[in-house]
PDB file of N, CA and C in Angstrom:
ATOM      1  N   UNK A   1      92.946-171.187 119.607  1.00  0.00           N
ATOM      2  CA  UNK A   1      93.201-171.385 118.202  1.00  0.00           C
ATOM      3  C   UNK A   1      94.703-171.277 117.957  1.00  0.00           C
ATOM      4  N   UNK A   2      95.240-172.212 117.229  1.00  0.00           N
ATOM      5  CA  UNK A   2      96.673-172.197 116.917  1.00  0.00           C
ATOM      6  C   UNK A   2      96.907-171.365 115.662  1.00  0.00           C
ATOM      7  N   UNK A   3      97.840-170.452 115.722  1.00  0.00           N
ATOM      8  CA  UNK A   3      98.164-169.591 114.593  1.00  0.00           C
ATOM      9  C   UNK A   3      99.200-170.226 113.674  1.00  0.00           C
ATOM     10  N   UNK A   4     100.235-170.832 114.266  1.00  0.00           N
ATOM     11  CA  UNK A   4     101.269-171.481 113.468  1.00  0.00           C
ATOM     12  C   UNK A   4     102.070-172.426 114.357  1.00  0.00           C
ATOM     13  N   UNK A   5     102.830-173.284 113.710  1.00  0.00           N
ATOM     14  CA  UNK A   5     103.703-174.202 114.444  1.00  0.00           C
ATOM     15  C   UNK A   5     105.015-174.326 113.686  1.00  0.00           C
ATOM     16  N   UNK A   6     106.038-174.778 114.378  1.00  0.00           N
ATOM     17  CA  UNK A   6     107.349-174.933 113.763  1.00  0.00           C
ATOM     18  C   UNK A   6     107.947-176.283 114.077  1.00  0.00           C
ATOM     19  N   UNK A   7     108.711-176.784 113.124  1.00  0.00           N
ATOM     20  CA  UNK A   7     109.416-178.050 113.286  1.00  0.00           C
ATOM     21  C   UNK A   7     110.897-177.850 113.026  1.00  0.00           C
ATOM     22  N   UNK A   8     111.724-178.432 113.838  1.00  0.00           N
ATOM     23  CA  UNK A   8     113.158-178.442 113.617  1.00  0.00           C
ATOM     24  C   UNK A   8     113.453-179.603 112.664  1.00  0.00           C
ATOM     25  N   UNK A   9     114.214-179.351 111.598  1.00  0.00           N
ATOM     26  CA  UNK A   9     114.523-180.375 110.599  1.00  0.00           C
ATOM     27  C   UNK A   9     116.024-180.380 110.296  1.00  0.00           C
ATOM     28  N   UNK A  10     116.542-181.545 109.980  1.00  0.00           N
ATOM     29  CA  UNK A  10     117.982-181.663 109.744  1.00  0.00           C
ATOM     30  C   UNK A  10     118.401-181.195 108.357  1.00  0.00           C
ATOM     31  N   UNK A  11     117.548-181.357 107.362  1.00  0.00           N
ATOM     32  CA  UNK A  11     117.861-180.962 105.991  1.00  0.00           C
ATOM     33  C   UNK A  11     116.707-180.089 105.502  1.00  0.00           C
ATOM     34  N   UNK A  12     116.890-178.788 105.541  1.00  0.00           N
ATOM     35  CA  UNK A  12     115.818-177.841 105.253  1.00  0.00           C
ATOM     36  C   UNK A  12     115.254-178.017 103.842  1.00  0.00           C
ATOM     37  N   UNK A  13     116.109-178.147 102.842  1.00  0.00           N
ATOM     38  CA  UNK A  13     115.628-178.289 101.464  1.00  0.00           C
ATOM     39  C   UNK A  13     114.841-179.582 101.283  1.00  0.00           C
ATOM     40  N   UNK A  14     115.346-180.691 101.809  1.00  0.00           N
ATOM     41  CA  UNK A  14     114.656-181.980 101.697  1.00  0.00           C
ATOM     42  C   UNK A  14     113.296-181.911 102.382  1.00  0.00           C
ATOM     43  N   UNK A  15     113.251-181.333 103.574  1.00  0.00           N
ATOM     44  CA  UNK A  15     111.988-181.249 104.312  1.00  0.00           C
ATOM     45  C   UNK A  15     111.008-180.305 103.637  1.00  0.00           C
ATOM     46  N   UNK A  16     111.487-179.184 103.116  1.00  0.00           N
ATOM     47  CA  UNK A  16     110.603-178.251 102.411  1.00  0.00           C
ATOM     48  C   UNK A  16     109.983-178.933 101.198  1.00  0.00           C
ATOM     49  N   UNK A  17     110.772-179.694 100.478  1.00  0.00           N
ATOM     50  CA  UNK A  17     110.254-180.426  99.311  1.00  0.00           C
ATOM     51  C   UNK A  17     109.235-181.477  99.744  1.00  0.00           C
ATOM     52  N   UNK A  18     109.559-182.229 100.808  1.00  0.00           N
ATOM     53  CA  UNK A  18     108.639-183.253 101.305  1.00  0.00           C
ATOM     54  C   UNK A  18     107.303-182.638 101.701  1.00  0.00           C
ATOM     55  N   UNK A  19     107.321-181.610 102.549  1.00  0.00           N
ATOM     56  CA  UNK A  19     106.076-181.024 103.039  1.00  0.00           C
ATOM     57  C   UNK A  19     105.294-180.344 101.917  1.00  0.00           C
ATOM     58  N   UNK A  20     105.974-179.708 100.974  1.00  0.00           N
ATOM     59  CA  UNK A  20     105.270-179.081  99.855  1.00  0.00           C
ATOM     60  C   UNK A  20     104.523-180.134  99.039  1.00  0.00           C
ATOM     61  N   UNK A  21     105.139-181.269  98.791  1.00  0.00           N
ATOM     62  CA  UNK A  21     104.488-182.340  98.034  1.00  0.00           C
ATOM     63  C   UNK A  21     103.404-183.028  98.860  1.00  0.00           C
ATOM     64  N   UNK A  22     103.723-183.353 100.103  1.00  0.00           N
ATOM     65  CA  UNK A  22     102.787-184.091 100.948  1.00  0.00           C
ATOM     66  C   UNK A  22     101.531-183.286 101.256  1.00  0.00           C
ATOM     67  N   UNK A  23     101.678-181.977 101.420  1.00  0.00           N
ATOM     68  CA  UNK A  23     100.544-181.144 101.805  1.00  0.00           C
ATOM     69  C   UNK A  23      99.896-180.412 100.629  1.00  0.00           C
ATOM     70  N   UNK A  24     100.380-180.659  99.417  1.00  0.00           N
ATOM     71  CA  UNK A  24      99.769-180.044  98.231  1.00  0.00           C
ATOM     72  C   UNK A  24      98.269-180.352  98.133  1.00  0.00           C
ATOM     73  N   UNK A  25      97.807-181.563  98.488  1.00  0.00           N
ATOM     74  CA  UNK A  25      96.365-181.813  98.434  1.00  0.00           C
ATOM     75  C   UNK A  25      95.539-180.933  99.368  1.00  0.00           C
ATOM     76  N   UNK A  26      96.184-180.303 100.339  1.00  0.00           N
ATOM     77  CA  UNK A  26      95.486-179.387 101.245  1.00  0.00           C
ATOM     78  C   UNK A  26      95.670-177.938 100.818  1.00  0.00           C
ATOM     79  N   UNK A  27      96.327-177.724  99.679  1.00  0.00           N
ATOM     80  CA  UNK A  27      96.544-176.376  99.174  1.00  0.00           C
ATOM     81  C   UNK A  27      97.813-175.716  99.667  1.00  0.00           C
ATOM     82  N   UNK A  28      98.684-176.471 100.336  1.00  0.00           N
ATOM     83  CA  UNK A  28      99.919-175.922 100.886  1.00  0.00           C
ATOM     84  C   UNK A  28     101.002-175.798  99.812  1.00  0.00           C
ATOM     85  N   UNK A  29     101.851-174.804 100.006  1.00  0.00           N
ATOM     86  CA  UNK A  29     103.052-174.633  99.192  1.00  0.00           C
ATOM     87  C   UNK A  29     104.043-173.824 100.025  1.00  0.00           C
ATOM     88  N   UNK A  30     105.272-173.731  99.531  1.00  0.00           N
ATOM     89  CA  UNK A  30     106.268-172.890 100.195  1.00  0.00           C
ATOM     90  C   UNK A  30     105.908-171.438  99.898  1.00  0.00           C
ATOM     91  N   UNK A  31     105.702-170.665 100.954  1.00  0.00           N
ATOM     92  CA  UNK A  31     105.320-169.262 100.798  1.00  0.00           C
ATOM     93  C   UNK A  31     106.450-168.298 101.126  1.00  0.00           C
ATOM     94  N   UNK A  32     107.334-168.714 102.040  1.00  0.00           N
ATOM     95  CA  UNK A  32     108.429-167.834 102.447  1.00  0.00           C
ATOM     96  C   UNK A  32     109.683-168.665 102.677  1.00  0.00           C
ATOM     97  N   UNK A  33     110.818-168.048 102.391  1.00  0.00           N
ATOM     98  CA  UNK A  33     112.095-168.708 102.644  1.00  0.00           C
ATOM     99  C   UNK A  33     113.119-167.629 102.933  1.00  0.00           C
ATOM    100  N   UNK A  34     113.733-167.729 104.091  1.00  0.00           N
ATOM    101  CA  UNK A  34     114.805-166.807 104.419  1.00  0.00           C
ATOM    102  C   UNK A  34     115.728-167.467 105.426  1.00  0.00           C
ATOM    103  N   UNK A  35     117.027-167.350 105.141  1.00  0.00           N
ATOM    104  CA  UNK A  35     118.020-167.972 106.014  1.00  0.00           C
ATOM    105  C   UNK A  35     117.694-169.430 106.262  1.00  0.00           C
ATOM    106  N   UNK A  36     117.774-169.869 107.515  1.00  0.00           N
ATOM    107  CA  UNK A  36     117.538-171.275 107.839  1.00  0.00           C
ATOM    108  C   UNK A  36     116.070-171.578 108.159  1.00  0.00           C
ATOM    109  N   UNK A  37     115.130-170.853 107.498  1.00  0.00           N
ATOM    110  CA  UNK A  37     113.705-171.014 107.799  1.00  0.00           C
ATOM    111  C   UNK A  37     112.894-171.055 106.502  1.00  0.00           C
ATOM    112  N   UNK A  38     111.920-171.976 106.442  1.00  0.00           N
ATOM    113  CA  UNK A  38     110.986-172.050 105.323  1.00  0.00           C
ATOM    114  C   UNK A  38     109.576-172.044 105.906  1.00  0.00           C
ATOM    115  N   UNK A  39     108.698-171.222 105.331  1.00  0.00           N
ATOM    116  CA  UNK A  39     107.309-171.157 105.769  1.00  0.00           C
ATOM    117  C   UNK A  39     106.383-171.704 104.707  1.00  0.00           C
ATOM    118  N   UNK A  40     105.489-172.599 105.118  1.00  0.00           N
ATOM    119  CA  UNK A  40     104.502-173.169 104.212  1.00  0.00           C
ATOM    120  C   UNK A  40     103.108-172.816 104.688  1.00  0.00           C
ATOM    121  N   UNK A  41     102.177-172.831 103.752  1.00  0.00           N
ATOM    122  CA  UNK A  41     100.792-172.579 104.120  1.00  0.00           C
ATOM    123  C   UNK A  41      99.890-172.703 102.919  1.00  0.00           C
ATOM    124  N   UNK A  42      98.600-172.593 103.192  1.00  0.00           N
ATOM    125  CA  UNK A  42      97.592-172.587 102.141  1.00  0.00           C
ATOM    126  C   UNK A  42      97.146-171.139 101.954  1.00  0.00           C
ATOM    127  N   UNK A  43      96.879-170.760 100.732  1.00  0.00           N
ATOM    128  CA  UNK A  43      96.525-169.377 100.398  1.00  0.00           C
ATOM    129  C   UNK A  43      97.673-168.459 100.812  1.00  0.00           C
ATOM    130  N   UNK A  44      97.406-167.461 101.637  1.00  0.00           N
ATOM    131  CA  UNK A  44      98.467-166.550 102.070  1.00  0.00           C
ATOM    132  C   UNK A  44      98.842-166.763 103.526  1.00  0.00           C
ATOM    133  N   UNK A  45      98.265-167.773 104.158  1.00  0.00           N
ATOM    134  CA  UNK A  45      98.486-168.018 105.575  1.00  0.00           C
ATOM    135  C   UNK A  45      99.675-168.957 105.790  1.00  0.00           C
ATOM    136  N   UNK A  46     100.778-168.401 106.255  1.00  0.00           N
ATOM    137  CA  UNK A  46     101.953-169.207 106.558  1.00  0.00           C
ATOM    138  C   UNK A  46     101.787-169.733 107.976  1.00  0.00           C
ATOM    139  N   UNK A  47     101.538-171.045 108.091  1.00  0.00           N
ATOM    140  CA  UNK A  47     101.277-171.591 109.416  1.00  0.00           C
ATOM    141  C   UNK A  47     102.137-172.781 109.793  1.00  0.00           C
ATOM    142  N   UNK A  48     102.990-173.225 108.889  1.00  0.00           N
ATOM    143  CA  UNK A  48     103.918-174.305 109.205  1.00  0.00           C
ATOM    144  C   UNK A  48     105.328-173.829 108.862  1.00  0.00           C
ATOM    145  N   UNK A  49     106.145-173.719 109.894  1.00  0.00           N
ATOM    146  CA  UNK A  49     107.512-173.224 109.722  1.00  0.00           C
ATOM    147  C   UNK A  49     108.504-174.355 109.946  1.00  0.00           C
ATOM    148  N   UNK A  50     109.460-174.476 109.037  1.00  0.00           N
ATOM    149  CA  UNK A  50     110.542-175.452 109.161  1.00  0.00           C
ATOM    150  C   UNK A  50     111.822-174.697 109.481  1.00  0.00           C
ATOM    151  N   UNK A  51     112.511-175.136 110.517  1.00  0.00           N
ATOM    152  CA  UNK A  51     113.737-174.477 110.971  1.00  0.00           C
ATOM    153  C   UNK A  51     114.892-175.461 110.851  1.00  0.00           C
ATOM    154  N   UNK A  52     115.983-175.059 110.208  1.00  0.00           N
ATOM    155  CA  UNK A  52     117.162-175.916 110.091  1.00  0.00           C
ATOM    156  C   UNK A  52     117.804-176.076 111.461  1.00  0.00           C
ATOM    157  N   UNK A  53     118.110-177.302 111.806  1.00  0.00           N
ATOM    158  CA  UNK A  53     118.739-177.568 113.095  1.00  0.00           C
ATOM    159  C   UNK A  53     118.721-179.055 113.393  1.00  0.00           C
ATOM    160  N   UNK A  54     118.896-179.372 114.637  1.00  0.00           N
ATOM    161  CA  UNK A  54     118.896-180.766 115.062  1.00  0.00           C
ATOM    162  C   UNK A  54     117.692-181.000 115.960  1.00  0.00           C
ATOM    163  N   UNK A  55     116.708-181.754 115.458  1.00  0.00           N
ATOM    164  CA  UNK A  55     115.545-182.030 116.300  1.00  0.00           C
ATOM    165  C   UNK A  55     115.964-182.804 117.549  1.00  0.00           C
ATOM    166  N   UNK A  56     115.469-182.383 118.686  1.00  0.00           N
ATOM    167  CA  UNK A  56     115.781-183.101 119.924  1.00  0.00           C
ATOM    168  C   UNK A  56     114.655-184.058 120.287  1.00  0.00           C
ATOM    169  N   UNK A  57     113.465-183.789 119.849  1.00  0.00           N
ATOM    170  CA  UNK A  57     112.313-184.654 120.091  1.00  0.00           C
ATOM    171  C   UNK A  57     111.480-184.734 118.826  1.00  0.00           C
ATOM    172  N   UNK A  58     110.783-185.847 118.682  1.00  0.00           N
ATOM    173  CA  UNK A  58     109.833-185.993 117.579  1.00  0.00           C
ATOM    174  C   UNK A  58     108.507-185.407 118.050  1.00  0.00           C
ATOM    175  N   UNK A  59     107.802-184.737 117.143  1.00  0.00           N
ATOM    176  CA  UNK A  59     106.533-184.128 117.496  1.00  0.00           C
ATOM    177  C   UNK A  59     105.414-184.667 116.605  1.00  0.00           C
ATOM    178  N   UNK A  60     104.208-184.380 117.009  1.00  0.00           N
ATOM    179  CA  UNK A  60     103.011-184.744 116.260  1.00  0.00           C
ATOM    180  C   UNK A  60     102.349-183.466 115.785  1.00  0.00           C
ATOM    181  N   UNK A  61     102.081-183.381 114.483  1.00  0.00           N
ATOM    182  CA  UNK A  61     101.389-182.241 113.898  1.00  0.00           C
ATOM    183  C   UNK A  61     100.163-182.774 113.180  1.00  0.00           C
ATOM    184  N   UNK A  62      98.994-182.239 113.479  1.00  0.00           N
ATOM    185  CA  UNK A  62      97.759-182.650 112.807  1.00  0.00           C
ATOM    186  C   UNK A  62      97.168-181.453 112.075  1.00  0.00           C
ATOM    187  N   UNK A  63      96.873-181.671 110.806  1.00  0.00           N
ATOM    188  CA  UNK A  63      96.280-180.639 109.971  1.00  0.00           C
ATOM    189  C   UNK A  63      94.892-181.106 109.547  1.00  0.00           C
ATOM    190  N   UNK A  64      93.948-180.177 109.484  1.00  0.00           N
ATOM    191  CA  UNK A  64      92.578-180.535 109.172  1.00  0.00           C
ATOM    192  C   UNK A  64      92.322-180.493 107.669  1.00  0.00           C
ATOM    193  N   UNK A  65      91.614-181.502 107.193  1.00  0.00           N
ATOM    194  CA  UNK A  65      91.168-181.564 105.805  1.00  0.00           C
ATOM    195  C   UNK A  65      89.657-181.406 105.776  1.00  0.00           C
ATOM    196  N   UNK A  66      89.137-180.962 104.655  1.00  0.00           N
ATOM    197  CA  UNK A  66      87.692-180.773 104.537  1.00  0.00           C
ATOM    198  C   UNK A  66      86.985-182.003 103.971  1.00  0.00           C
ATOM    199  N   UNK A  67      87.759-183.005 103.535  1.00  0.00           N
ATOM    200  CA  UNK A  67      87.137-184.203 102.980  1.00  0.00           C
ATOM    201  C   UNK A  67      88.026-185.421 103.215  1.00  0.00           C
ATOM    202  N   UNK A  68      87.400-186.580 103.173  1.00  0.00           N
ATOM    203  CA  UNK A  68      88.148-187.824 103.304  1.00  0.00           C
ATOM    204  C   UNK A  68      89.042-188.047 102.092  1.00  0.00           C
ATOM    205  N   UNK A  69      88.599-187.590 100.936  1.00  0.00           N
ATOM    206  CA  UNK A  69      89.443-187.751  99.742  1.00  0.00           C
ATOM    207  C   UNK A  69      90.726-186.926  99.874  1.00  0.00           C
ATOM    208  N   UNK A  70      90.678-185.796 100.544  1.00  0.00           N
ATOM    209  CA  UNK A  70      91.887-184.993 100.775  1.00  0.00           C
ATOM    210  C   UNK A  70      92.831-185.706 101.731  1.00  0.00           C
ATOM    211  N   UNK A  71      92.288-186.407 102.731  1.00  0.00           N
ATOM    212  CA  UNK A  71      93.124-187.193 103.644  1.00  0.00           C
ATOM    213  C   UNK A  71      93.860-188.270 102.853  1.00  0.00           C
ATOM    214  N   UNK A  72      93.131-188.976 102.014  1.00  0.00           N
ATOM    215  CA  UNK A  72      93.740-190.032 101.193  1.00  0.00           C
ATOM    216  C   UNK A  72      94.782-189.456 100.236  1.00  0.00           C
ATOM    217  N   UNK A  73      94.471-188.318  99.616  1.00  0.00           N
ATOM    218  CA  UNK A  73      95.413-187.677  98.688  1.00  0.00           C
ATOM    219  C   UNK A  73      96.684-187.247  99.418  1.00  0.00           C
ATOM    220  N   UNK A  74      96.542-186.707 100.647  1.00  0.00           N
ATOM    221  CA  UNK A  74      97.714-186.378 101.454  1.00  0.00           C
ATOM    222  C   UNK A  74      98.572-187.618 101.676  1.00  0.00           C
ATOM    223  N   UNK A  75      97.955-188.696 102.120  1.00  0.00           N
ATOM    224  CA  UNK A  75      98.691-189.922 102.427  1.00  0.00           C
ATOM    225  C   UNK A  75      99.474-190.409 101.200  1.00  0.00           C
ATOM    226  N   UNK A  76      98.809-190.462 100.066  1.00  0.00           N
ATOM    227  CA  UNK A  76      99.461-190.930  98.834  1.00  0.00           C
ATOM    228  C   UNK A  76     100.599-189.995  98.423  1.00  0.00           C
ATOM    229  N   UNK A  77     100.384-188.693  98.515  1.00  0.00           N
ATOM    230  CA  UNK A  77     101.423-187.725  98.152  1.00  0.00           C
ATOM    231  C   UNK A  77     102.601-187.801  99.111  1.00  0.00           C
ATOM    232  N   UNK A  78     102.321-187.960 100.402  1.00  0.00           N
ATOM    233  CA  UNK A  78     103.388-188.032 101.401  1.00  0.00           C
ATOM    234  C   UNK A  78     104.235-189.290 101.221  1.00  0.00           C
ATOM    235  N   UNK A  79     103.605-190.413 100.961  1.00  0.00           N
ATOM    236  CA  UNK A  79     104.350-191.656 100.723  1.00  0.00           C
ATOM    237  C   UNK A  79     105.186-191.521  99.451  1.00  0.00           C
ATOM    238  N   UNK A  80     104.598-190.956  98.391  1.00  0.00           N
ATOM    239  CA  UNK A  80     105.336-190.766  97.134  1.00  0.00           C
ATOM    240  C   UNK A  80     106.510-189.816  97.314  1.00  0.00           C
ATOM    241  N   UNK A  81     106.399-188.880  98.274  1.00  0.00           N
ATOM    242  CA  UNK A  81     107.477-187.915  98.527  1.00  0.00           C
ATOM    243  C   UNK A  81     108.541-188.457  99.469  1.00  0.00           C
ATOM    244  N   UNK A  82     108.391-189.714  99.898  1.00  0.00           N
ATOM    245  CA  UNK A  82     109.414-190.328 100.742  1.00  0.00           C
ATOM    246  C   UNK A  82     109.032-190.498 102.195  1.00  0.00           C
ATOM    247  N   UNK A  83     107.800-190.165 102.554  1.00  0.00           N
ATOM    248  CA  UNK A  83     107.347-190.367 103.925  1.00  0.00           C
ATOM    249  C   UNK A  83     107.160-191.847 104.227  1.00  0.00           C
ATOM    250  N   UNK A  84     107.117-192.173 105.500  1.00  0.00           N
ATOM    251  CA  UNK A  84     106.923-193.563 105.926  1.00  0.00           C
ATOM    252  C   UNK A  84     105.554-193.714 106.560  1.00  0.00           C
ATOM    253  N   UNK A  85     104.874-194.778 106.179  1.00  0.00           N
ATOM    254  CA  UNK A  85     103.543-195.067 106.715  1.00  0.00           C
ATOM    255  C   UNK A  85     103.571-195.146 108.237  1.00  0.00           C
ATOM    256  N   UNK A  86     102.627-194.461 108.859  1.00  0.00           N
ATOM    257  CA  UNK A  86     102.462-194.556 110.306  1.00  0.00           C
ATOM    258  C   UNK A  86     100.983-194.740 110.644  1.00  0.00           C
ATOM    259  N   UNK A  87     100.211-195.181 109.642  1.00  0.00           N
ATOM    260  CA  UNK A  87      98.772-195.405 109.802  1.00  0.00           C
ATOM    261  C   UNK A  87      98.022-194.858 108.608  1.00  0.00           C
ATOM    262  N   UNK A  88      97.636-195.738 107.705  1.00  0.00           N
ATOM    263  CA  UNK A  88      96.966-195.329 106.473  1.00  0.00           C
ATOM    264  C   UNK A  88      95.599-194.718 106.715  1.00  0.00           C
ATOM    265  N   UNK A  89      95.001-194.168 105.656  1.00  0.00           N
ATOM    266  CA  UNK A  89      93.697-193.524 105.771  1.00  0.00           C
ATOM    267  C   UNK A  89      92.646-194.474 106.332  1.00  0.00           C
ATOM    268  N   UNK A  90      91.884-193.984 107.284  1.00  0.00           N
ATOM    269  CA  UNK A  90      90.817-194.793 107.850  1.00  0.00           C
ATOM    270  C   UNK A  90      90.151-194.101 109.024  1.00  0.00           C
ATOM    271  N   UNK A  91      89.021-194.675 109.429  1.00  0.00           N
ATOM    272  CA  UNK A  91      88.274-194.161 110.572  1.00  0.00           C
ATOM    273  C   UNK A  91      88.969-194.607 111.854  1.00  0.00           C
ATOM    274  N   UNK A  92      89.092-193.706 112.780  1.00  0.00           N
ATOM    275  CA  UNK A  92      89.640-193.979 114.119  1.00  0.00           C
ATOM    276  C   UNK A  92      88.493-193.778 115.110  1.00  0.00           C
ATOM    277  N   UNK A  93      87.628-194.783 115.232  1.00  0.00           N
ATOM    278  CA  UNK A  93      86.415-194.664 116.052  1.00  0.00           C
ATOM    279  C   UNK A  93      86.707-194.416 117.521  1.00  0.00           C
ATOM    280  N   UNK A  94      87.898-194.803 117.982  1.00  0.00           N
ATOM    281  CA  UNK A  94      88.213-194.574 119.387  1.00  0.00           C
ATOM    282  C   UNK A  94      88.307-193.075 119.703  1.00  0.00           C
ATOM    283  N   UNK A  95      88.486-192.223 118.684  1.00  0.00           N
ATOM    284  CA  UNK A  95      88.440-190.771 118.895  1.00  0.00           C
ATOM    285  C   UNK A  95      86.993-190.284 118.802  1.00  0.00           C
ATOM    286  N   UNK A  96      86.339-190.583 117.673  1.00  0.00           N
ATOM    287  CA  UNK A  96      84.897-190.391 117.502  1.00  0.00           C
ATOM    288  C   UNK A  96      84.511-191.053 116.179  1.00  0.00           C
ATOM    289  N   UNK A  97      83.225-191.319 115.962  1.00  0.00           N
ATOM    290  CA  UNK A  97      82.796-192.125 114.807  1.00  0.00           C
ATOM    291  C   UNK A  97      83.165-191.564 113.436  1.00  0.00           C
ATOM    292  N   UNK A  98      83.381-190.252 113.321  1.00  0.00           N
ATOM    293  CA  UNK A  98      83.695-189.643 112.026  1.00  0.00           C
ATOM    294  C   UNK A  98      85.150-189.197 111.900  1.00  0.00           C
ATOM    295  N   UNK A  99      86.009-189.650 112.815  1.00  0.00           N
ATOM    296  CA  UNK A  99      87.422-189.245 112.804  1.00  0.00           C
ATOM    297  C   UNK A  99      88.142-190.060 111.738  1.00  0.00           C
ATOM    298  N   UNK A 100      88.370-189.445 110.581  1.00  0.00           N
ATOM    299  CA  UNK A 100      89.021-190.109 109.450  1.00  0.00           C
ATOM    300  C   UNK A 100      90.390-189.470 109.263  1.00  0.00           C
ATOM    301  N   UNK A 101      91.449-190.257 109.408  1.00  0.00           N
ATOM    302  CA  UNK A 101      92.789-189.677 109.399  1.00  0.00           C
ATOM    303  C   UNK A 101      93.802-190.610 108.759  1.00  0.00           C
ATOM    304  N   UNK A 102      94.945-190.032 108.438  1.00  0.00           N
ATOM    305  CA  UNK A 102      96.114-190.779 107.965  1.00  0.00           C
ATOM    306  C   UNK A 102      97.342-190.177 108.632  1.00  0.00           C
ATOM    307  N   UNK A 103      98.342-191.026 108.873  1.00  0.00           N
ATOM    308  CA  UNK A 103      99.555-190.625 109.578  1.00  0.00           C
ATOM    309  C   UNK A 103     100.780-191.034 108.768  1.00  0.00           C
ATOM    310  N   UNK A 104     101.742-190.112 108.653  1.00  0.00           N
ATOM    311  CA  UNK A 104     102.977-190.367 107.918  1.00  0.00           C
ATOM    312  C   UNK A 104     104.132-189.777 108.715  1.00  0.00           C
ATOM    313  N   UNK A 105     105.245-190.488 108.743  1.00  0.00           N
ATOM    314  CA  UNK A 105     106.460-189.948 109.357  1.00  0.00           C
ATOM    315  C   UNK A 105     107.237-189.196 108.290  1.00  0.00           C
ATOM    316  N   UNK A 106     107.593-187.947 108.579  1.00  0.00           N
ATOM    317  CA  UNK A 106     108.383-187.142 107.649  1.00  0.00           C
ATOM    318  C   UNK A 106     109.845-187.604 107.702  1.00  0.00           C
ATOM    319  N   UNK A 107     110.718-187.044 106.859  1.00  0.00           N
ATOM    320  CA  UNK A 107     112.116-187.490 106.857  1.00  0.00           C
ATOM    321  C   UNK A 107     112.824-187.394 108.205  1.00  0.00           C
ATOM    322  N   UNK A 108     112.388-186.498 109.101  1.00  0.00           N
ATOM    323  CA  UNK A 108     113.000-186.397 110.422  1.00  0.00           C
ATOM    324  C   UNK A 108     112.261-187.203 111.486  1.00  0.00           C
ATOM    325  N   UNK A 109     111.239-187.946 111.073  1.00  0.00           N
ATOM    326  CA  UNK A 109     110.520-188.800 112.008  1.00  0.00           C
ATOM    327  C   UNK A 109     109.370-188.146 112.738  1.00  0.00           C
ATOM    328  N   UNK A 110     109.046-186.901 112.406  1.00  0.00           N
ATOM    329  CA  UNK A 110     107.886-186.265 113.013  1.00  0.00           C
ATOM    330  C   UNK A 110     106.622-186.933 112.471  1.00  0.00           C
ATOM    331  N   UNK A 111     105.622-187.116 113.315  1.00  0.00           N
ATOM    332  CA  UNK A 111     104.367-187.757 112.940  1.00  0.00           C
ATOM    333  C   UNK A 111     103.415-186.692 112.395  1.00  0.00           C
ATOM    334  N   UNK A 112     103.149-186.750 111.094  1.00  0.00           N
ATOM    335  CA  UNK A 112     102.279-185.779 110.437  1.00  0.00           C
ATOM    336  C   UNK A 112     100.935-186.457 110.173  1.00  0.00           C
ATOM    337  N   UNK A 113      99.898-185.866 110.702  1.00  0.00           N
ATOM    338  CA  UNK A 113      98.536-186.400 110.553  1.00  0.00           C
ATOM    339  C   UNK A 113      97.701-185.408 109.777  1.00  0.00           C
ATOM    340  N   UNK A 114      96.835-185.930 108.909  1.00  0.00           N
ATOM    341  CA  UNK A 114      95.796-185.111 108.303  1.00  0.00           C
ATOM    342  C   UNK A 114      94.481-185.783 108.654  1.00  0.00           C
ATOM    343  N   UNK A 115      93.524-184.979 109.163  1.00  0.00           N
ATOM    344  CA  UNK A 115      92.275-185.526 109.690  1.00  0.00           C
ATOM    345  C   UNK A 115      91.069-184.770 109.137  1.00  0.00           C
ATOM    346  N   UNK A 116      90.023-185.522 108.879  1.00  0.00           N
ATOM    347  CA  UNK A 116      88.722-184.962 108.497  1.00  0.00           C
ATOM    348  C   UNK A 116      87.726-185.397 109.562  1.00  0.00           C
ATOM    349  N   UNK A 117      86.955-184.461 110.092  1.00  0.00           N
ATOM    350  CA  UNK A 117      85.974-184.757 111.131  1.00  0.00           C
ATOM    351  C   UNK A 117      84.552-184.829 110.578  1.00  0.00           C
ATOM    352  N   UNK A 118      84.401-184.660 109.273  1.00  0.00           N
ATOM    353  CA  UNK A 118      83.084-184.650 108.665  1.00  0.00           C
ATOM    354  C   UNK A 118      82.523-186.063 108.532  1.00  0.00           C
ATOM    355  N   UNK A 119      81.216-186.222 108.691  1.00  0.00           N
ATOM    356  CA  UNK A 119      80.626-187.555 108.534  1.00  0.00           C
ATOM    357  C   UNK A 119      80.702-188.027 107.081  1.00  0.00           C
ATOM    358  N   UNK A 120      80.795-189.334 106.936  1.00  0.00           N
ATOM    359  CA  UNK A 120      80.836-189.937 105.596  1.00  0.00           C
ATOM    360  C   UNK A 120      79.458-189.843 104.989  1.00  0.00           C
ATOM    361  N   UNK A 121      79.380-189.293 103.789  1.00  0.00           N
ATOM    362  CA  UNK A 121      78.094-189.098 103.133  1.00  0.00           C
ATOM    363  C   UNK A 121      77.851-190.058 101.972  1.00  0.00           C
ATOM    364  N   UNK A 122      78.715-191.058 101.856  1.00  0.00           N
ATOM    365  CA  UNK A 122      78.530-192.079 100.833  1.00  0.00           C
ATOM    366  C   UNK A 122      79.186-191.733  99.599  1.00  0.00           C
TER     367      UNK A 122
END
């Protein structure tokens, strides 16, 4: 089980604003901020840390949603916050029949995915 993850970002304030807006449909907000670090999470769980610096590699981060509508809401919020489309909401059957996900590149080019594994109930 993963407890938390961190991303290196070039502009901490811009990235904190982007992730807070993009992940708001999942209940995320900025929970902690100190020095060159911002922590985001849902409820009281800080599980996504942004660190000011120079990213050397682009990474992939996938966050789980409880519904397909939350995946779509993430995608729309992320695009509105300045993210770039990297695969709109839809089923990715090559993973499994109920894998519903959307992908957006954040301002530093990291691939942010939100996925729902629940079957479509109509």
